[in-house]
Protein backbone atom coordinates (compact mmCIF):
# COMPACT_ATOMS: atom_id res chain seq x y z
CA MET A 1 89.46 -36.73 80.22
CA ILE A 2 89.31 -35.95 76.66
CA ASN A 3 90.43 -39.40 75.71
CA LYS A 4 87.75 -40.84 78.04
CA LEU A 5 85.34 -39.30 76.52
CA ILE A 6 86.63 -40.10 72.78
CA GLU A 7 86.55 -43.70 73.92
CA TYR A 8 83.20 -43.63 75.71
CA ALA A 9 81.59 -41.84 72.01
CA LEU A 10 83.05 -44.60 70.18
CA LYS A 11 81.97 -47.48 72.37
CA LYS A 12 78.42 -46.15 73.05
CA PRO A 13 77.72 -43.96 70.19
CA GLY A 14 73.79 -44.17 70.96
CA HIS A 15 74.14 -42.61 74.28
CA ILE A 16 76.06 -39.54 72.56
CA ILE A 17 73.43 -39.57 69.90
CA ALA A 18 70.78 -39.61 72.35
CA LEU A 19 72.19 -36.62 74.54
CA PHE A 20 72.35 -34.42 71.67
CA GLY A 21 69.33 -35.55 70.59
CA LEU A 22 67.43 -34.46 73.91
CA LEU A 23 69.39 -31.15 73.73
CA PHE A 24 67.92 -30.48 70.51
CA LEU A 25 64.81 -31.38 71.57
CA PHE A 26 64.60 -29.03 74.89
CA SER A 27 66.02 -26.15 72.77
CA LEU A 28 63.78 -26.54 70.24
CA GLY A 29 61.00 -26.36 72.57
CA ASN A 30 61.87 -23.19 74.02
CA ILE A 31 62.46 -21.18 70.41
CA PRO A 32 58.31 -20.65 70.47
CA PHE A 33 58.80 -18.41 73.67
CA LEU A 34 61.47 -16.21 72.12
CA LYS A 35 60.66 -12.86 71.81
CA GLN A 36 61.87 -10.73 69.10
CA VAL A 37 62.46 -6.82 70.05
CA SER A 38 63.20 -4.15 67.14
CA ASP A 39 63.17 -1.03 69.59
CA ILE A 40 66.71 -0.04 69.71
CA SER A 41 66.06 1.72 73.21
CA GLN A 42 65.28 -1.77 74.49
CA LEU A 43 68.96 -2.85 73.54
CA ILE A 44 70.54 -0.52 76.27
CA SER A 45 70.49 -1.58 79.96
CA LYS A 46 67.75 0.13 82.00
CA GLN A 47 70.33 0.99 84.54
CA ASP A 48 72.07 3.38 82.04
CA GLN A 49 72.13 6.87 83.10
CA ILE A 50 70.25 8.17 79.67
CA ILE A 51 67.63 5.68 79.91
CA GLN A 52 66.76 6.37 83.55
CA LEU A 53 66.44 10.10 82.65
CA ASN A 54 64.22 9.19 79.77
CA PHE A 55 62.15 7.45 82.14
CA LYS A 56 62.03 10.70 84.52
CA MET A 57 61.28 12.60 81.38
CA GLU A 58 58.32 10.38 80.37
CA LYS A 59 56.73 10.65 83.73
CA ILE A 60 56.99 14.44 83.33
CA PHE A 61 55.92 14.78 79.98
CA GLY A 62 54.23 11.98 78.82
CA SER A 63 55.59 9.24 76.80
CA THR A 64 58.07 9.45 73.80
CA ARG A 65 56.48 6.74 71.65
CA LEU A 66 55.42 8.99 68.98
CA GLY A 67 54.57 8.56 65.19
CA LEU A 68 54.76 11.36 62.64
CA ILE A 69 52.55 11.88 59.28
CA SER A 70 53.39 14.44 56.96
CA PHE A 71 50.72 15.47 54.37
CA LYS A 72 52.58 16.79 51.41
CA ASN A 73 51.21 20.38 49.90
CA ALA A 74 48.17 19.98 51.99
CA LEU A 75 47.81 23.84 52.32
CA THR A 76 45.34 23.99 49.47
CA PRO A 77 41.33 24.61 49.38
CA GLU A 78 41.16 20.99 48.01
CA LYS A 79 43.40 19.00 50.41
CA LEU A 80 42.73 20.95 53.67
CA PRO A 81 39.26 19.34 54.37
CA GLU A 82 40.77 16.07 53.79
CA ALA A 83 43.74 17.29 56.22
CA LYS A 84 40.95 17.73 58.94
CA ARG A 85 39.21 14.77 58.23
CA ILE A 86 42.83 12.88 58.85
CA HIS A 87 43.01 14.62 62.05
CA GLU A 88 39.48 13.76 63.50
CA LEU A 89 40.06 10.14 62.40
CA LEU A 90 43.40 9.70 64.58
CA GLU A 91 41.64 11.53 67.68
CA SER A 92 38.93 9.11 67.42
CA LYS A 93 41.06 5.93 67.95
CA GLU A 94 41.23 4.50 71.56
CA LYS A 95 44.82 3.54 71.35
CA ILE A 96 45.84 6.96 70.45
CA ASN A 97 46.49 9.29 73.71
CA ASP A 98 47.16 12.62 71.79
CA VAL A 99 47.39 14.13 68.18
CA ILE A 100 49.14 17.39 67.55
CA SER A 101 48.49 19.35 64.22
CA VAL A 102 47.17 22.39 63.14
CA PHE A 103 43.37 21.36 63.94
CA SER A 104 44.32 21.16 67.56
CA GLU A 105 46.63 23.90 68.60
CA LYS A 106 45.80 27.33 69.74
CA TYR A 107 46.77 30.95 67.99
CA LEU A 108 47.66 34.11 70.42
CA ALA A 109 45.92 36.64 68.53
CA GLY A 110 46.26 40.39 69.43
CA ALA A 111 44.73 43.67 68.90
CA GLN A 112 44.19 47.22 70.33
CA GLY A 113 46.05 46.72 73.66
CA SER A 114 44.32 43.36 74.17
CA PHE A 115 44.84 39.51 73.27
CA SER A 116 42.57 36.42 72.70
CA VAL A 117 43.23 32.86 72.13
CA GLU A 118 41.76 31.50 69.04
CA GLU A 119 41.84 27.98 66.84
CA ILE A 120 44.52 28.21 64.42
CA VAL A 121 41.75 26.72 61.96
CA GLU A 122 38.63 28.32 62.36
CA GLY A 123 35.88 26.23 60.32
CA PRO A 124 36.07 25.01 57.08
CA ILE A 125 38.69 26.61 54.49
CA LYS A 126 36.46 27.42 51.58
CA ALA A 127 38.22 30.47 50.02
CA ALA A 128 41.82 31.45 49.05
CA GLU A 129 41.39 34.34 51.62
CA SER A 130 40.89 31.94 54.26
CA LEU A 131 43.96 29.97 53.37
CA ASP A 132 46.09 32.87 53.45
CA THR A 133 44.94 34.02 56.61
CA LEU A 134 45.76 30.16 57.83
CA LYS A 135 49.21 30.66 56.13
CA ASN A 136 49.62 34.37 58.11
CA LYS A 137 48.85 32.74 61.52
CA LEU A 138 51.35 29.72 60.94
CA GLU A 139 54.06 32.11 59.81
CA SER A 140 53.67 34.80 62.39
CA PHE A 141 55.19 31.80 64.93
CA PRO A 142 58.39 30.50 64.30
CA LEU A 143 57.87 27.73 66.56
CA TYR A 144 55.15 26.42 64.18
CA GLU A 145 57.56 25.34 61.26
CA TYR A 146 59.06 22.17 61.25
CA SER A 147 56.73 20.88 63.89
CA LEU A 148 52.95 21.97 62.84
CA TYR A 149 53.75 22.61 59.19
CA GLN A 150 56.96 22.64 56.83
CA GLY A 151 56.27 24.79 53.14
CA ASN A 152 53.05 23.48 52.09
CA ASP A 153 53.26 20.21 54.12
CA LEU A 154 50.97 19.65 57.39
CA ASN A 155 52.44 17.50 60.23
CA TYR A 156 50.74 15.25 62.64
CA LEU A 157 52.39 14.27 65.75
CA ILE A 158 50.73 11.08 67.22
CA GLN A 159 51.14 9.82 70.83
CA PHE A 160 50.26 6.56 71.50
CA ASN A 161 49.16 4.76 74.86
CA SER A 162 52.01 3.31 76.83
CA ASP A 163 50.21 -0.09 76.39
CA VAL A 164 50.96 -0.84 72.44
CA ASP A 165 53.71 -2.31 70.54
CA ASP A 166 55.54 -0.69 67.54
CA GLN A 167 53.71 -3.20 64.87
CA PHE A 168 50.36 -1.94 66.31
CA MET A 169 51.22 1.64 66.17
CA SER A 170 52.61 1.69 62.50
CA GLU A 171 49.82 -0.68 61.08
CA LEU A 172 47.41 1.34 62.45
CA ILE A 173 48.74 4.79 60.63
CA GLN A 174 48.87 2.77 57.63
CA GLU A 175 45.10 1.73 57.97
CA ILE A 176 44.42 5.25 58.54
CA ILE A 177 46.39 6.46 55.38
CA LYS A 178 44.93 4.09 53.15
CA THR A 179 41.55 5.53 53.76
CA SER A 180 42.66 8.79 52.09
CA LYS A 181 42.48 9.47 48.68
CA TYR A 182 45.34 11.47 49.14
CA GLN A 183 47.46 8.48 50.34
CA ASP A 184 50.51 9.03 48.06
CA ASP A 185 51.32 12.29 49.83
CA LEU A 186 50.91 10.93 53.14
CA VAL A 187 54.53 10.08 54.65
CA THR A 188 55.14 8.28 58.05
CA SER A 189 58.16 8.41 60.22
CA GLY A 190 58.75 7.96 63.89
CA TRP A 191 60.26 5.35 66.22
CA PRO A 192 57.40 2.92 65.57
CA LYS A 193 57.81 3.07 62.24
CA ILE A 194 61.26 2.95 62.20
CA ASN A 195 61.32 -0.01 64.73
CA ASN A 196 58.96 -1.52 62.57
CA SER A 197 60.99 -1.72 59.59
CA ILE A 198 64.09 -2.81 61.61
CA LYS A 199 61.70 -5.82 62.65
CA GLY A 200 60.84 -6.55 58.77
CA ILE A 201 64.56 -6.46 57.85
CA MET A 202 65.29 -9.05 60.71
CA ASP A 203 62.55 -11.33 59.77
CA ARG A 204 63.67 -11.33 55.99
CA ASP A 205 67.49 -11.86 57.21
CA LEU A 206 66.43 -14.90 59.19
CA PHE A 207 63.98 -16.33 56.38
CA ILE A 208 66.13 -15.89 53.43
CA LEU A 209 69.81 -15.55 54.74
CA ILE A 210 69.77 -18.84 56.93
CA PRO A 211 68.37 -21.08 54.19
CA LEU A 212 70.93 -19.32 51.60
CA ILE A 213 73.60 -20.13 53.55
CA PHE A 214 72.56 -23.71 54.46
CA VAL A 215 72.50 -24.26 50.43
CA ILE A 216 75.67 -22.69 49.99
CA ILE A 217 77.41 -25.13 52.68
CA THR A 218 75.69 -27.79 51.09
CA ILE A 219 77.20 -27.12 47.94
CA ILE A 220 80.93 -26.92 49.11
CA PHE A 221 80.43 -30.08 51.39
CA PHE A 222 79.36 -31.81 48.28
CA TYR A 223 82.32 -30.79 46.33
CA LEU A 224 84.67 -31.51 49.00
CA PHE A 225 83.68 -34.75 50.13
CA ARG A 226 81.12 -36.02 47.48
CA SER A 227 79.42 -38.14 50.10
CA LEU A 228 75.81 -38.12 51.62
CA ARG A 229 77.21 -38.66 55.22
CA GLY A 230 79.86 -35.81 54.44
CA ILE A 231 77.18 -33.49 53.73
CA ILE A 232 74.49 -34.59 56.43
CA ILE A 233 76.60 -35.32 59.20
CA PRO A 234 78.51 -31.70 59.74
CA LEU A 235 74.84 -30.31 58.70
CA VAL A 236 73.40 -31.89 61.84
CA THR A 237 76.18 -30.45 64.15
CA ILE A 238 75.88 -27.06 62.71
CA THR A 239 71.84 -27.34 63.14
CA ILE A 240 72.11 -28.30 66.81
CA ALA A 241 74.48 -25.41 67.90
CA ILE A 242 72.31 -23.03 66.07
CA VAL A 243 69.07 -24.56 67.73
CA SER A 244 70.96 -24.96 71.08
CA ALA A 245 71.83 -20.90 71.10
CA VAL A 246 68.54 -19.92 70.19
CA GLY A 247 66.83 -22.25 72.46
CA PHE A 248 69.22 -20.90 75.32
CA MET A 249 68.15 -17.32 74.42
CA SER A 250 64.64 -17.93 75.07
CA PHE A 251 65.21 -20.28 78.17
CA TRP A 252 67.33 -17.17 79.88
CA GLY A 253 64.85 -14.85 78.76
CA ILE A 254 67.16 -13.08 76.16
CA SER A 255 65.24 -11.08 73.32
CA LEU A 256 66.14 -11.64 69.88
CA ASN A 257 67.61 -8.20 68.70
CA VAL A 258 69.36 -6.42 65.64
CA VAL A 259 72.77 -7.50 67.21
CA SER A 260 71.68 -11.14 67.92
CA ASN A 261 69.99 -11.62 64.58
CA SER A 262 73.88 -12.65 63.22
CA ILE A 263 74.26 -15.31 65.99
CA PRO A 264 73.02 -18.21 63.35
CA ILE A 265 75.30 -17.13 60.50
CA LEU A 266 78.29 -16.92 62.76
CA LEU A 267 77.45 -20.42 64.30
CA VAL A 268 77.18 -21.93 61.02
CA ALA A 269 80.50 -20.62 59.96
CA ILE A 270 82.44 -21.50 63.11
CA GLY A 271 80.70 -25.04 63.10
CA THR A 272 81.54 -25.52 59.66
CA SER A 273 85.07 -25.10 59.90
CA ASP A 274 85.12 -27.80 63.02
CA GLY A 275 83.17 -30.42 60.85
CA VAL A 276 85.34 -29.86 57.90
CA HIS A 277 88.47 -30.30 59.88
CA PHE A 278 87.30 -33.63 61.13
CA LEU A 279 85.66 -35.02 58.29
CA THR A 280 88.99 -33.99 56.27
CA LYS A 281 91.09 -35.90 58.22
CA TYR A 282 88.82 -38.86 58.61
CA TYR A 283 88.84 -39.27 54.77
CA HIS A 284 92.47 -38.74 54.63
CA TYR A 285 93.02 -41.61 56.95
CA SER A 286 90.59 -43.80 55.62
CA GLY A 287 92.94 -45.75 53.36
CA ASP A 288 95.49 -46.49 56.15
CA TYR A 289 93.22 -48.45 58.37
CA ASN A 290 91.06 -51.48 57.59
CA GLU A 291 89.01 -51.29 60.84
CA HIS A 292 86.65 -48.42 61.09
CA HIS A 293 86.93 -48.20 64.83
CA LYS A 294 90.79 -47.73 64.68
CA LEU A 295 90.15 -45.05 61.91
CA LEU A 296 87.68 -43.06 63.96
CA ASN A 297 89.87 -43.57 66.98
CA LYS A 298 93.04 -41.95 64.93
CA THR A 299 91.08 -39.06 63.30
CA THR A 300 89.51 -38.28 66.76
CA LYS A 301 92.49 -37.86 68.84
CA ILE A 302 94.22 -35.99 66.40
CA ILE A 303 91.77 -33.67 65.34
CA ALA A 304 89.87 -33.13 68.80
CA PRO A 305 92.78 -31.34 70.47
CA THR A 306 92.65 -28.95 67.76
CA ILE A 307 89.35 -28.18 67.84
CA LEU A 308 89.10 -27.97 71.82
CA LEU A 309 91.77 -25.10 71.56
CA THR A 310 89.89 -23.39 68.71
CA SER A 311 86.66 -23.61 70.42
CA ILE A 312 88.18 -22.36 73.74
CA THR A 313 90.06 -19.30 71.95
CA THR A 314 87.04 -18.50 70.00
CA MET A 315 84.80 -18.87 72.98
CA GLY A 316 87.02 -16.35 74.89
CA GLY A 317 86.74 -13.98 72.48
CA PHE A 318 83.17 -13.66 72.48
CA LEU A 319 82.92 -13.71 76.27
CA ALA A 320 84.79 -10.82 76.30
CA ASN A 321 81.84 -8.76 75.31
CA LEU A 322 80.18 -9.77 78.54
CA PHE A 323 82.11 -6.55 79.71
CA SER A 324 80.42 -4.31 77.56
CA PRO A 325 78.07 -1.59 79.06
CA VAL A 326 75.65 -1.91 76.02
CA LYS A 327 73.06 -5.26 77.18
CA SER A 328 72.73 -6.50 73.51
CA ILE A 329 76.29 -7.11 73.23
CA SER A 330 77.15 -8.70 76.32
CA GLU A 331 74.28 -10.90 75.44
CA PHE A 332 75.35 -11.42 72.16
CA GLY A 333 78.80 -12.42 73.35
CA LEU A 334 77.05 -14.94 76.09
CA VAL A 335 74.81 -16.87 73.71
CA THR A 336 77.49 -17.05 70.84
CA ALA A 337 79.90 -18.50 73.17
CA CYS A 338 77.51 -20.83 74.06
CA GLY A 339 76.78 -22.19 70.36
CA VAL A 340 80.56 -22.35 69.80
CA LEU A 341 80.65 -24.66 72.67
CA VAL A 342 78.08 -27.03 71.51
CA ALA A 343 79.19 -26.80 68.21
CA GLY A 344 83.08 -27.81 69.09
CA ILE A 345 81.44 -30.67 71.45
CA ALA A 346 79.32 -31.89 68.82
CA SER A 347 82.40 -31.86 66.52
CA TYR A 348 84.70 -34.22 68.36
CA LEU A 349 81.93 -36.36 69.99
CA LEU A 350 78.70 -36.18 68.03
CA ILE A 351 80.66 -36.74 64.81
CA PRO A 352 82.59 -39.80 65.44
CA SER A 353 79.43 -41.07 67.27
CA LEU A 354 77.55 -40.49 63.79
CA LEU A 355 80.22 -42.22 61.81
CA THR A 356 80.45 -45.17 64.27
CA LYS A 357 76.51 -45.93 63.46
CA PHE A 358 76.47 -44.73 59.93
CA LYS A 359 79.96 -45.85 59.06
CA ALA A 360 81.01 -45.29 55.30
CA TYR A 361 80.65 -47.45 52.65
CA PRO A 362 83.97 -48.68 51.04
CA GLN A 363 83.93 -46.96 47.98
CA GLU A 364 83.61 -43.52 50.19
CA GLN A 365 86.79 -44.75 52.28
CA ARG A 366 89.44 -43.35 49.91
CA ARG A 367 91.24 -40.30 49.47
CA ASN A 368 88.88 -37.77 47.60
CA SER A 369 90.47 -36.38 44.61
CA HIS A 370 88.34 -32.93 44.95
CA GLU A 371 89.42 -33.19 48.41
CA VAL A 372 93.07 -33.26 47.73
CA ILE A 373 92.94 -30.41 44.96
CA PHE A 374 91.20 -28.13 47.70
CA VAL A 375 93.90 -28.85 50.06
CA ASN A 376 96.65 -28.26 47.66
CA ILE A 377 94.67 -24.97 46.60
CA ALA A 378 94.54 -24.04 50.26
CA THR A 379 98.34 -24.92 50.80
CA ARG A 380 99.50 -22.98 47.82
CA ILE A 381 97.59 -19.87 49.12
CA TYR A 382 99.14 -20.37 52.62
CA GLN A 383 102.59 -20.64 51.38
CA CYS A 384 102.12 -17.28 49.42
């Protein structure tokens, strides 16, 4: 079966190139619809008992999508009016469902055998005596500490509507903070902030690490083969494998998350080894054959079983993740295995097809001295 596919690739290289071209275009067309998820809770299956319990709790007590602002040293006559203004500004936002702070909570006051419910903050704080009264109220109820205040810091617990995403929550909080002259004393936290930070890290990795690894791989290919074809052809197979894997994710409705964000880097490493194996053998035997077709036939039949076996074993390792109860890990295993499959097939079908169409020049068809040095170094390391 494999030999027939190899023969077909060598006889009809245009068909193989067109087939992989269609796969590339199909996958590329699906990438714009790929969703990115930075919310850690979304990485766990909705059938998980903890997630199910969380859904029930939200129905009873409201959404757990909370933001937090801490105003440092806010319990001073100078800063407290600004702290109240920030509370009122938060309450005025349509997308914010509730704001919990010293300006919204009540205080249970008792005197002469009776009690009354009062505001914690009553009117503007203008004198040090009024501020002392506020501090005494807060300190009289231990539950207030670490929730409404901590030391001289005041906290705002912000509950958002269920129809807004983490990025919007984080940006809205930052927008409000920028309106304050004490913005250096305002610190944000909570899951919206954390998830938005995770998204920023994911974006940075995609836009920095992937181009960087391609630059490194290009330099290595140039050192090994000293040929434009020796650089471009394996890079083409790697690119097709990455685009196909990401395109399949979008097509299957799988979101890009903190786990699957590493798939492109992994596929670069896996796809590179297959391309290097093939081209190393190709250049190694190039001096033994005058006919290019025989050279490719010999190289492909020698290296194809190796690529096939390594691809199968690597796929098996990743597919084992399908049994993981963590949704993101099982999806990671499935998508990576598909990428490995595409990389393996491309290595023993697409590479010989490309070499058939764009065969090496005579000066390239000789054993490269740098390749020999590299192989000798690798052999010595192995023998150690």
